Amino acid sequence: MSNFAKTPEPPYYAVIFTSKRTEVDKGYGTMAERMVEFASKEKGYLGIESAREADFGITVSYWDSLEAIQKWKEHAVHKIAQEKGKAEWYKNYSVRISKVERDYSF
């Protein structure tokens, strides 16, 4: 993903997922693609931006409500990815949820 997400006028929400990867790949790329595919079909999904360098990554997904974020967190396939992430793919990670009050771009 190299494009900026096309988000609406604020307010909306951002889920910021930062992660430090293990050396284990075992289907990580495929699962990451599936997560974007499934998330994009969820009600309230607005877009995603992601960057990765070696073992460190940042993914920001945008949502129209806290309820949509919670529903995505509880999505069955996302839960499987979360468990595999904890068990195999991540040394550690952090999730931050923020309300976007203002945005601008060049």
PDB file of N, CA and C in Angstrom:
ATOM      1  N   MET A   1       0.834  -1.178   0.000  1.00  0.00           N
ATOM      2  CA  MET A   1       0.000   0.000   0.000  1.00  0.00           C
ATOM      3  C   MET A   1       0.877   1.239   0.000  1.00  0.00           C
ATOM      4  N   SER A   2       0.815   1.988  -1.028  1.00  0.00           N
ATOM      5  CA  SER A   2       1.654   3.170  -1.089  1.00  0.00           C
ATOM      6  C   SER A   2       0.848   4.448  -1.249  1.00  0.00           C
ATOM      7  N   ASN A   3      -0.443   4.342  -1.285  1.00  0.00           N
ATOM      8  CA  ASN A   3      -1.280   5.518  -1.497  1.00  0.00           C
ATOM      9  C   ASN A   3      -1.846   6.052  -0.191  1.00  0.00           C
ATOM     10  N   PHE A   4      -2.127   7.348  -0.200  1.00  0.00           N
ATOM     11  CA  PHE A   4      -2.797   7.945   0.945  1.00  0.00           C
ATOM     12  C   PHE A   4      -4.257   7.522   0.938  1.00  0.00           C
ATOM     13  N   ALA A   5      -4.810   7.286   2.111  1.00  0.00           N
ATOM     14  CA  ALA A   5      -6.234   6.971   2.223  1.00  0.00           C
ATOM     15  C   ALA A   5      -7.036   8.227   1.895  1.00  0.00           C
ATOM     16  N   LYS A   6      -8.145   8.029   1.232  1.00  0.00           N
ATOM     17  CA  LYS A   6      -9.039   9.152   0.919  1.00  0.00           C
ATOM     18  C   LYS A   6     -10.096   9.203   2.026  1.00  0.00           C
ATOM     19  N   THR A   7      -9.856  10.046   2.990  1.00  0.00           N
ATOM     20  CA  THR A   7     -10.746  10.132   4.145  1.00  0.00           C
ATOM     21  C   THR A   7     -11.716  11.299   3.977  1.00  0.00           C
ATOM     22  N   PRO A   8     -12.852  11.219   4.660  1.00  0.00           N
ATOM     23  CA  PRO A   8     -13.836  12.306   4.586  1.00  0.00           C
ATOM     24  C   PRO A   8     -13.411  13.475   5.476  1.00  0.00           C
ATOM     25  N   GLU A   9     -14.227  14.500   5.490  1.00  0.00           N
ATOM     26  CA  GLU A   9     -14.000  15.603   6.411  1.00  0.00           C
ATOM     27  C   GLU A   9     -14.078  15.066   7.845  1.00  0.00           C
ATOM     28  N   PRO A  10     -13.188  15.509   8.735  1.00  0.00           N
ATOM     29  CA  PRO A  10     -13.261  15.083  10.130  1.00  0.00           C
ATOM     30  C   PRO A  10     -14.559  15.551  10.776  1.00  0.00           C
ATOM     31  N   PRO A  11     -14.941  14.934  11.867  1.00  0.00           N
ATOM     32  CA  PRO A  11     -14.165  13.971  12.628  1.00  0.00           C
ATOM     33  C   PRO A  11     -14.363  12.537  12.125  1.00  0.00           C
ATOM     34  N   TYR A  12     -13.330  11.732  12.346  1.00  0.00           N
ATOM     35  CA  TYR A  12     -13.353  10.288  12.132  1.00  0.00           C
ATOM     36  C   TYR A  12     -12.264   9.720  13.032  1.00  0.00           C
ATOM     37  N   TYR A  13     -12.042   8.440  12.986  1.00  0.00           N
ATOM     38  CA  TYR A  13     -11.111   7.798  13.905  1.00  0.00           C
ATOM     39  C   TYR A  13      -9.980   7.104  13.170  1.00  0.00           C
ATOM     40  N   ALA A  14      -8.823   7.055  13.815  1.00  0.00           N
ATOM     41  CA  ALA A  14      -7.653   6.365  13.283  1.00  0.00           C
ATOM     42  C   ALA A  14      -7.214   5.300  14.284  1.00  0.00           C
ATOM     43  N   VAL A  15      -6.963   4.103  13.782  1.00  0.00           N
ATOM     44  CA  VAL A  15      -6.367   3.036  14.578  1.00  0.00           C
ATOM     45  C   VAL A  15      -4.925   2.916  14.100  1.00  0.00           C
ATOM     46  N   ILE A  16      -3.991   3.203  14.994  1.00  0.00           N
ATOM     47  CA  ILE A  16      -2.571   3.203  14.663  1.00  0.00           C
ATOM     48  C   ILE A  16      -1.954   1.941  15.251  1.00  0.00           C
ATOM     49  N   PHE A  17      -1.515   1.053  14.361  1.00  0.00           N
ATOM     50  CA  PHE A  17      -0.934  -0.223  14.757  1.00  0.00           C
ATOM     51  C   PHE A  17       0.551  -0.200  14.419  1.00  0.00           C
ATOM     52  N   THR A  18       1.403  -0.170  15.440  1.00  0.00           N
ATOM     53  CA  THR A  18       2.841  -0.241  15.235  1.00  0.00           C
ATOM     54  C   THR A  18       3.317  -1.604  15.710  1.00  0.00           C
ATOM     55  N   SER A  19       4.242  -2.188  14.956  1.00  0.00           N
ATOM     56  CA  SER A  19       4.664  -3.549  15.288  1.00  0.00           C
ATOM     57  C   SER A  19       6.135  -3.779  15.009  1.00  0.00           C
ATOM     58  N   LYS A  20       6.699  -4.667  15.791  1.00  0.00           N
ATOM     59  CA  LYS A  20       8.054  -5.164  15.612  1.00  0.00           C
ATOM     60  C   LYS A  20       7.895  -6.647  15.283  1.00  0.00           C
ATOM     61  N   ARG A  21       8.352  -7.046  14.096  1.00  0.00           N
ATOM     62  CA  ARG A  21       8.170  -8.407  13.609  1.00  0.00           C
ATOM     63  C   ARG A  21       9.222  -9.373  14.139  1.00  0.00           C
ATOM     64  N   THR A  22       8.840 -10.648  14.168  1.00  0.00           N
ATOM     65  CA  THR A  22       9.791 -11.733  14.379  1.00  0.00           C
ATOM     66  C   THR A  22      10.377 -12.090  13.018  1.00  0.00           C
ATOM     67  N   GLU A  23      11.243 -13.078  12.975  1.00  0.00           N
ATOM     68  CA  GLU A  23      11.802 -13.553  11.716  1.00  0.00           C
ATOM     69  C   GLU A  23      10.858 -14.540  11.032  1.00  0.00           C
ATOM     70  N   VAL A  24       9.819 -14.977  11.724  1.00  0.00           N
ATOM     71  CA  VAL A  24       8.873 -15.962  11.201  1.00  0.00           C
ATOM     72  C   VAL A  24       7.921 -15.287  10.223  1.00  0.00           C
ATOM     73  N   ASP A  25       7.806 -15.855   9.015  1.00  0.00           N
ATOM     74  CA  ASP A  25       6.881 -15.297   8.033  1.00  0.00           C
ATOM     75  C   ASP A  25       5.607 -16.125   7.989  1.00  0.00           C
ATOM     76  N   LYS A  26       5.700 -17.402   7.766  1.00  0.00           N
ATOM     77  CA  LYS A  26       4.591 -18.372   7.807  1.00  0.00           C
ATOM     78  C   LYS A  26       3.224 -17.790   7.474  1.00  0.00           C
ATOM     79  N   GLY A  27       3.058 -17.249   6.290  1.00  0.00           N
ATOM     80  CA  GLY A  27       1.762 -16.756   5.861  1.00  0.00           C
ATOM     81  C   GLY A  27       1.412 -15.346   6.267  1.00  0.00           C
ATOM     82  N   TYR A  28       2.364 -14.602   6.811  1.00  0.00           N
ATOM     83  CA  TYR A  28       2.078 -13.242   7.269  1.00  0.00           C
ATOM     84  C   TYR A  28       1.564 -12.352   6.137  1.00  0.00           C
ATOM     85  N   GLY A  29       2.253 -12.367   5.008  1.00  0.00           N
ATOM     86  CA  GLY A  29       1.873 -11.505   3.890  1.00  0.00           C
ATOM     87  C   GLY A  29       0.468 -11.794   3.395  1.00  0.00           C
ATOM     88  N   THR A  30       0.152 -13.066   3.285  1.00  0.00           N
ATOM     89  CA  THR A  30      -1.189 -13.461   2.847  1.00  0.00           C
ATOM     90  C   THR A  30      -2.241 -12.995   3.839  1.00  0.00           C
ATOM     91  N   MET A  31      -1.962 -13.172   5.122  1.00  0.00           N
ATOM     92  CA  MET A  31      -2.923 -12.756   6.141  1.00  0.00           C
ATOM     93  C   MET A  31      -3.082 -11.239   6.141  1.00  0.00           C
ATOM     94  N   ALA A  32      -2.000 -10.509   5.957  1.00  0.00           N
ATOM     95  CA  ALA A  32      -2.084  -9.047   5.919  1.00  0.00           C
ATOM     96  C   ALA A  32      -2.979  -8.598   4.768  1.00  0.00           C
ATOM     97  N   GLU A  33      -2.829  -9.223   3.613  1.00  0.00           N
ATOM     98  CA  GLU A  33      -3.687  -8.904   2.465  1.00  0.00           C
ATOM     99  C   GLU A  33      -5.143  -9.223   2.760  1.00  0.00           C
ATOM    100  N   ARG A  34      -5.384 -10.353   3.403  1.00  0.00           N
ATOM    101  CA  ARG A  34      -6.755 -10.736   3.763  1.00  0.00           C
ATOM    102  C   ARG A  34      -7.368  -9.746   4.744  1.00  0.00           C
ATOM    103  N   MET A  35      -6.559  -9.237   5.686  1.00  0.00           N
ATOM    104  CA  MET A  35      -7.080  -8.282   6.661  1.00  0.00           C
ATOM    105  C   MET A  35      -7.557  -7.010   5.962  1.00  0.00           C
ATOM    106  N   VAL A  36      -6.784  -6.530   4.996  1.00  0.00           N
ATOM    107  CA  VAL A  36      -7.189  -5.333   4.255  1.00  0.00           C
ATOM    108  C   VAL A  36      -8.469  -5.623   3.473  1.00  0.00           C
ATOM    109  N   GLU A  37      -8.520  -6.792   2.838  1.00  0.00           N
ATOM    110  CA  GLU A  37      -9.705  -7.179   2.068  1.00  0.00           C
ATOM    111  C   GLU A  37     -10.947  -7.240   2.956  1.00  0.00           C
ATOM    112  N   PHE A  38     -10.843  -7.919   4.082  1.00  0.00           N
ATOM    113  CA  PHE A  38     -11.998  -8.050   4.986  1.00  0.00           C
ATOM    114  C   PHE A  38     -12.372  -6.709   5.617  1.00  0.00           C
ATOM    115  N   ALA A  39     -11.375  -5.955   6.076  1.00  0.00           N
ATOM    116  CA  ALA A  39     -11.656  -4.666   6.712  1.00  0.00           C
ATOM    117  C   ALA A  39     -12.377  -3.731   5.751  1.00  0.00           C
ATOM    118  N   SER A  40     -11.945  -3.734   4.484  1.00  0.00           N
ATOM    119  CA  SER A  40     -12.535  -2.815   3.510  1.00  0.00           C
ATOM    120  C   SER A  40     -14.008  -3.091   3.247  1.00  0.00           C
ATOM    121  N   LYS A  41     -14.485  -4.267   3.638  1.00  0.00           N
ATOM    122  CA  LYS A  41     -15.897  -4.617   3.458  1.00  0.00           C
ATOM    123  C   LYS A  41     -16.734  -4.305   4.695  1.00  0.00           C
ATOM    124  N   GLU A  42     -16.061  -3.895   5.762  1.00  0.00           N
ATOM    125  CA  GLU A  42     -16.768  -3.605   7.012  1.00  0.00           C
ATOM    126  C   GLU A  42     -17.447  -2.241   6.958  1.00  0.00           C
ATOM    127  N   LYS A  43     -18.640  -2.193   7.534  1.00  0.00           N
ATOM    128  CA  LYS A  43     -19.350  -0.914   7.643  1.00  0.00           C
ATOM    129  C   LYS A  43     -18.519   0.025   8.509  1.00  0.00           C
ATOM    130  N   GLY A  44     -18.310   1.243   8.043  1.00  0.00           N
ATOM    131  CA  GLY A  44     -17.559   2.232   8.796  1.00  0.00           C
ATOM    132  C   GLY A  44     -16.104   2.342   8.404  1.00  0.00           C
ATOM    133  N   TYR A  45     -15.603   1.418   7.578  1.00  0.00           N
ATOM    134  CA  TYR A  45     -14.211   1.467   7.116  1.00  0.00           C
ATOM    135  C   TYR A  45     -14.033   2.632   6.154  1.00  0.00           C
ATOM    136  N   LEU A  46     -12.952   3.407   6.337  1.00  0.00           N
ATOM    137  CA  LEU A  46     -12.697   4.569   5.485  1.00  0.00           C
ATOM    138  C   LEU A  46     -11.432   4.441   4.643  1.00  0.00           C
ATOM    139  N   GLY A  47     -10.466   3.649   5.080  1.00  0.00           N
ATOM    140  CA  GLY A  47      -9.228   3.513   4.325  1.00  0.00           C
ATOM    141  C   GLY A  47      -8.085   3.049   5.200  1.00  0.00           C
ATOM    142  N   ILE A  48      -6.921   2.865   4.556  1.00  0.00           N
ATOM    143  CA  ILE A  48      -5.751   2.359   5.272  1.00  0.00           C
ATOM    144  C   ILE A  48      -4.482   2.908   4.635  1.00  0.00           C
ATOM    145  N   GLU A  49      -3.462   3.094   5.464  1.00  0.00           N
ATOM    146  CA  GLU A  49      -2.120   3.470   5.020  1.00  0.00           C
ATOM    147  C   GLU A  49      -1.134   2.611   5.797  1.00  0.00           C
ATOM    148  N   SER A  50      -0.081   2.169   5.130  1.00  0.00           N
ATOM    149  CA  SER A  50       0.851   1.274   5.792  1.00  0.00           C
ATOM    150  C   SER A  50       2.268   1.494   5.289  1.00  0.00           C
ATOM    151  N   ALA A  51       3.242   1.351   6.183  1.00  0.00           N
ATOM    152  CA  ALA A  51       4.654   1.438   5.822  1.00  0.00           C
ATOM    153  C   ALA A  51       5.410   0.403   6.650  1.00  0.00           C
ATOM    154  N   ARG A  52       6.385  -0.242   6.009  1.00  0.00           N
ATOM    155  CA  ARG A  52       7.171  -1.256   6.701  1.00  0.00           C
ATOM    156  C   ARG A  52       8.625  -1.093   6.314  1.00  0.00           C
ATOM    157  N   GLU A  53       9.475  -1.228   7.312  1.00  0.00           N
ATOM    158  CA  GLU A  53      10.914  -1.206   7.099  1.00  0.00           C
ATOM    159  C   GLU A  53      11.510  -2.366   7.878  1.00  0.00           C
ATOM    160  N   ALA A  54      12.089  -3.308   7.177  1.00  0.00           N
ATOM    161  CA  ALA A  54      12.688  -4.497   7.798  1.00  0.00           C
ATOM    162  C   ALA A  54      11.709  -5.123   8.794  1.00  0.00           C
ATOM    163  N   ASP A  55      11.983  -4.998  10.086  1.00  0.00           N
ATOM    164  CA  ASP A  55      11.127  -5.660  11.076  1.00  0.00           C
ATOM    165  C   ASP A  55      10.159  -4.718  11.792  1.00  0.00           C
ATOM    166  N   PHE A  56      10.087  -3.440  11.387  1.00  0.00           N
ATOM    167  CA  PHE A  56       9.204  -2.478  12.045  1.00  0.00           C
ATOM    168  C   PHE A  56       8.164  -1.967  11.057  1.00  0.00           C
ATOM    169  N   GLY A  57       6.909  -1.899  11.501  1.00  0.00           N
ATOM    170  CA  GLY A  57       5.858  -1.422  10.617  1.00  0.00           C
ATOM    171  C   GLY A  57       4.848  -0.545  11.332  1.00  0.00           C
ATOM    172  N   ILE A  58       4.195   0.282  10.538  1.00  0.00           N
ATOM    173  CA  ILE A  58       3.098   1.128  11.028  1.00  0.00           C
ATOM    174  C   ILE A  58       1.956   1.007  10.030  1.00  0.00           C
ATOM    175  N   THR A  59       0.788   0.675  10.537  1.00  0.00           N
ATOM    176  CA  THR A  59      -0.417   0.652   9.714  1.00  0.00           C
ATOM    177  C   THR A  59      -1.464   1.508  10.407  1.00  0.00           C
ATOM    178  N   VAL A  60      -2.068   2.405   9.641  1.00  0.00           N
ATOM    179  CA  VAL A  60      -3.124   3.257  10.174  1.00  0.00           C
ATOM    180  C   VAL A  60      -4.386   2.966   9.376  1.00  0.00           C
ATOM    181  N   SER A  61      -5.417   2.518  10.077  1.00  0.00           N
ATOM    182  CA  SER A  61      -6.715   2.333   9.424  1.00  0.00           C
ATOM    183  C   SER A  61      -7.663   3.409   9.940  1.00  0.00           C
ATOM    184  N   TYR A  62      -8.575   3.825   9.064  1.00  0.00           N
ATOM    185  CA  TYR A  62      -9.485   4.919   9.376  1.00  0.00           C
ATOM    186  C   TYR A  62     -10.917   4.407   9.401  1.00  0.00           C
ATOM    187  N   TRP A  63     -11.680   4.890  10.378  1.00  0.00           N
ATOM    188  CA  TRP A  63     -13.041   4.400  10.628  1.00  0.00           C
ATOM    189  C   TRP A  63     -13.955   5.561  10.961  1.00  0.00           C
ATOM    190  N   ASP A  64     -15.241   5.371  10.703  1.00  0.00           N
ATOM    191  CA  ASP A  64     -16.180   6.465  10.964  1.00  0.00           C
ATOM    192  C   ASP A  64     -16.688   6.513  12.401  1.00  0.00           C
ATOM    193  N   SER A  65     -16.435   5.454  13.191  1.00  0.00           N
ATOM    194  CA  SER A  65     -16.943   5.440  14.571  1.00  0.00           C
ATOM    195  C   SER A  65     -16.151   4.469  15.437  1.00  0.00           C
ATOM    196  N   LEU A  66     -16.250   4.662  16.740  1.00  0.00           N
ATOM    197  CA  LEU A  66     -15.648   3.723  17.683  1.00  0.00           C
ATOM    198  C   LEU A  66     -16.345   2.367  17.608  1.00  0.00           C
ATOM    199  N   GLU A  67     -17.636   2.379  17.317  1.00  0.00           N
ATOM    200  CA  GLU A  67     -18.389   1.120  17.193  1.00  0.00           C
ATOM    201  C   GLU A  67     -17.872   0.297  16.021  1.00  0.00           C
ATOM    202  N   ALA A  68     -17.558   0.950  14.906  1.00  0.00           N
ATOM    203  CA  ALA A  68     -17.018   0.234  13.745  1.00  0.00           C
ATOM    204  C   ALA A  68     -15.656  -0.378  14.076  1.00  0.00           C
ATOM    205  N   ILE A  69     -14.838   0.347  14.821  1.00  0.00           N
ATOM    206  CA  ILE A  69     -13.527  -0.162  15.238  1.00  0.00           C
ATOM    207  C   ILE A  69     -13.706  -1.395  16.119  1.00  0.00           C
ATOM    208  N   GLN A  70     -14.615  -1.334  17.066  1.00  0.00           N
ATOM    209  CA  GLN A  70     -14.856  -2.463  17.968  1.00  0.00           C
ATOM    210  C   GLN A  70     -15.365  -3.675  17.195  1.00  0.00           C
ATOM    211  N   LYS A  71     -16.260  -3.447  16.256  1.00  0.00           N
ATOM    212  CA  LYS A  71     -16.786  -4.547  15.444  1.00  0.00           C
ATOM    213  C   LYS A  71     -15.654  -5.203  14.654  1.00  0.00           C
ATOM    214  N   TRP A  72     -14.754  -4.406  14.092  1.00  0.00           N
ATOM    215  CA  TRP A  72     -13.625  -4.958  13.347  1.00  0.00           C
ATOM    216  C   TRP A  72     -12.707  -5.754  14.278  1.00  0.00           C
ATOM    217  N   LYS A  73     -12.467  -5.246  15.466  1.00  0.00           N
ATOM    218  CA  LYS A  73     -11.623  -5.958  16.431  1.00  0.00           C
ATOM    219  C   LYS A  73     -12.184  -7.344  16.725  1.00  0.00           C
ATOM    220  N   GLU A  74     -13.502  -7.464  16.729  1.00  0.00           N
ATOM    221  CA  GLU A  74     -14.161  -8.726  17.067  1.00  0.00           C
ATOM    222  C   GLU A  74     -14.458  -9.609  15.856  1.00  0.00           C
ATOM    223  N   HIS A  75     -14.123  -9.153  14.646  1.00  0.00           N
ATOM    224  CA  HIS A  75     -14.347  -9.927  13.418  1.00  0.00           C
ATOM    225  C   HIS A  75     -13.626 -11.276  13.540  1.00  0.00           C
ATOM    226  N   ALA A  76     -14.288 -12.363  13.167  1.00  0.00           N
ATOM    227  CA  ALA A  76     -13.758 -13.719  13.360  1.00  0.00           C
ATOM    228  C   ALA A  76     -12.386 -13.923  12.718  1.00  0.00           C
ATOM    229  N   VAL A  77     -12.215 -13.527  11.481  1.00  0.00           N
ATOM    230  CA  VAL A  77     -10.929 -13.722  10.808  1.00  0.00           C
ATOM    231  C   VAL A  77      -9.859 -12.800  11.406  1.00  0.00           C
ATOM    232  N   HIS A  78     -10.256 -11.604  11.794  1.00  0.00           N
ATOM    233  CA  HIS A  78      -9.305 -10.682  12.433  1.00  0.00           C
ATOM    234  C   HIS A  78      -8.828 -11.258  13.765  1.00  0.00           C
ATOM    235  N   LYS A  79      -9.704 -11.911  14.500  1.00  0.00           N
ATOM    236  CA  LYS A  79      -9.320 -12.531  15.775  1.00  0.00           C
ATOM    237  C   LYS A  79      -8.268 -13.621  15.549  1.00  0.00           C
ATOM    238  N   ILE A  80      -8.421 -14.404  14.471  1.00  0.00           N
ATOM    239  CA  ILE A  80      -7.431 -15.433  14.131  1.00  0.00           C
ATOM    240  C   ILE A  80      -6.084 -14.769  13.856  1.00  0.00           C
ATOM    241  N   ALA A  81      -6.108 -13.691  13.073  1.00  0.00           N
ATOM    242  CA  ALA A  81      -4.868 -12.962  12.768  1.00  0.00           C
ATOM    243  C   ALA A  81      -4.229 -12.404  14.043  1.00  0.00           C
ATOM    244  N   GLN A  82      -5.047 -11.887  14.949  1.00  0.00           N
ATOM    245  CA  GLN A  82      -4.522 -11.354  16.209  1.00  0.00           C
ATOM    246  C   GLN A  82      -3.787 -12.439  16.995  1.00  0.00           C
ATOM    247  N   GLU A  83      -4.384 -13.615  17.085  1.00  0.00           N
ATOM    248  CA  GLU A  83      -3.768 -14.720  17.834  1.00  0.00           C
ATOM    249  C   GLU A  83      -2.479 -15.194  17.171  1.00  0.00           C
ATOM    250  N   LYS A  84      -2.490 -15.333  15.850  1.00  0.00           N
ATOM    251  CA  LYS A  84      -1.271 -15.737  15.132  1.00  0.00           C
ATOM    252  C   LYS A  84      -0.187 -14.667  15.298  1.00  0.00           C
ATOM    253  N   GLY A  85      -0.596 -13.420  15.283  1.00  0.00           N
ATOM    254  CA  GLY A  85       0.358 -12.338  15.484  1.00  0.00           C
ATOM    255  C   GLY A  85       1.053 -12.439  16.823  1.00  0.00           C
ATOM    256  N   LYS A  86       0.277 -12.657  17.865  1.00  0.00           N
ATOM    257  CA  LYS A  86       0.842 -12.785  19.217  1.00  0.00           C
ATOM    258  C   LYS A  86       1.734 -14.019  19.330  1.00  0.00           C
ATOM    259  N   ALA A  87       1.322 -15.117  18.713  1.00  0.00           N
ATOM    260  CA  ALA A  87       2.033 -16.385  18.848  1.00  0.00           C
ATOM    261  C   ALA A  87       3.266 -16.487  17.951  1.00  0.00           C
ATOM    262  N   GLU A  88       3.218 -15.870  16.742  1.00  0.00           N
ATOM    263  CA  GLU A  88       4.278 -16.126  15.777  1.00  0.00           C
ATOM    264  C   GLU A  88       4.920 -14.894  15.145  1.00  0.00           C
ATOM    265  N   TRP A  89       4.129 -13.886  14.769  1.00  0.00           N
ATOM    266  CA  TRP A  89       4.614 -12.846  13.871  1.00  0.00           C
ATOM    267  C   TRP A  89       5.204 -11.610  14.536  1.00  0.00           C
ATOM    268  N   TYR A  90       4.786 -11.310  15.753  1.00  0.00           N
ATOM    269  CA  TYR A  90       5.219 -10.058  16.382  1.00  0.00           C
ATOM    270  C   TYR A  90       6.042 -10.291  17.635  1.00  0.00           C
ATOM    271  N   LYS A  91       7.140  -9.531  17.747  1.00  0.00           N
ATOM    272  CA  LYS A  91       7.883  -9.488  19.003  1.00  0.00           C
ATOM    273  C   LYS A  91       7.080  -8.643  19.986  1.00  0.00           C
ATOM    274  N   ASN A  92       6.532  -7.542  19.471  1.00  0.00           N
ATOM    275  CA  ASN A  92       5.621  -6.701  20.247  1.00  0.00           C
ATOM    276  C   ASN A  92       4.873  -5.782  19.298  1.00  0.00           C
ATOM    277  N   TYR A  93       3.796  -5.224  19.815  1.00  0.00           N
ATOM    278  CA  TYR A  93       3.019  -4.266  19.020  1.00  0.00           C
ATOM    279  C   TYR A  93       2.278  -3.331  19.948  1.00  0.00           C
ATOM    280  N   SER A  94       1.782  -2.257  19.357  1.00  0.00           N
ATOM    281  CA  SER A  94       1.001  -1.281  20.100  1.00  0.00           C
ATOM    282  C   SER A  94      -0.170  -0.851  19.221  1.00  0.00           C
ATOM    283  N   VAL A  95      -1.317  -0.673  19.847  1.00  0.00           N
ATOM    284  CA  VAL A  95      -2.502  -0.176  19.149  1.00  0.00           C
ATOM    285  C   VAL A  95      -2.939   1.108  19.842  1.00  0.00           C
ATOM    286  N   ARG A  96      -3.120   2.141  19.040  1.00  0.00           N
ATOM    287  CA  ARG A  96      -3.593   3.419  19.567  1.00  0.00           C
ATOM    288  C   ARG A  96      -4.801   3.840  18.749  1.00  0.00           C
ATOM    289  N   ILE A  97      -5.818   4.309  19.425  1.00  0.00           N
ATOM    290  CA  ILE A  97      -7.031   4.761  18.744  1.00  0.00           C
ATOM    291  C   ILE A  97      -7.186   6.243  19.021  1.00  0.00           C
ATOM    292  N   SER A  98      -7.312   7.004  17.941  1.00  0.00           N
ATOM    293  CA  SER A  98      -7.374   8.462  18.054  1.00  0.00           C
ATOM    294  C   SER A  98      -8.545   9.014  17.263  1.00  0.00           C
ATOM    295  N   LYS A  99      -9.082  10.101  17.748  1.00  0.00           N
ATOM    296  CA  LYS A  99     -10.107  10.834  17.008  1.00  0.00           C
ATOM    297  C   LYS A  99      -9.408  11.895  16.170  1.00  0.00           C
ATOM    298  N   VAL A 100      -9.666  11.897  14.886  1.00  0.00           N
ATOM    299  CA  VAL A 100      -9.081  12.898  14.005  1.00  0.00           C
ATOM    300  C   VAL A 100     -10.018  14.102  13.985  1.00  0.00           C
ATOM    301  N   GLU A 101      -9.533  15.196  14.478  1.00  0.00           N
ATOM    302  CA  GLU A 101     -10.320  16.426  14.558  1.00  0.00           C
ATOM    303  C   GLU A 101     -10.093  17.336  13.356  1.00  0.00           C
ATOM    304  N   ARG A 102      -8.893  17.211  12.771  1.00  0.00           N
ATOM    305  CA  ARG A 102      -8.528  18.094  11.674  1.00  0.00           C
ATOM    306  C   ARG A 102      -7.555  17.345  10.793  1.00  0.00           C
ATOM    307  N   ASP A 103      -7.643  17.538   9.493  1.00  0.00           N
ATOM    308  CA  ASP A 103      -6.615  17.018   8.583  1.00  0.00           C
ATOM    309  C   ASP A 103      -6.421  17.978   7.430  1.00  0.00           C
ATOM    310  N   TYR A 104      -5.236  17.956   6.888  1.00  0.00           N
ATOM    311  CA  TYR A 104      -4.919  18.775   5.719  1.00  0.00           C
ATOM    312  C   TYR A 104      -3.768  18.101   5.004  1.00  0.00           C
ATOM    313  N   SER A 105      -3.597  18.416   3.744  1.00  0.00           N
ATOM    314  CA  SER A 105      -2.523  17.768   2.986  1.00  0.00           C
ATOM    315  C   SER A 105      -2.001  18.684   1.909  1.00  0.00           C
ATOM    316  N   PHE A 106      -0.895  18.287   1.337  1.00  0.00           N
ATOM    317  CA  PHE A 106      -0.248  19.020   0.261  1.00  0.00           C
ATOM    318  C   PHE A 106      -0.204  18.098  -0.946  1.00  0.00           C
TER     319      PHE A 106
END
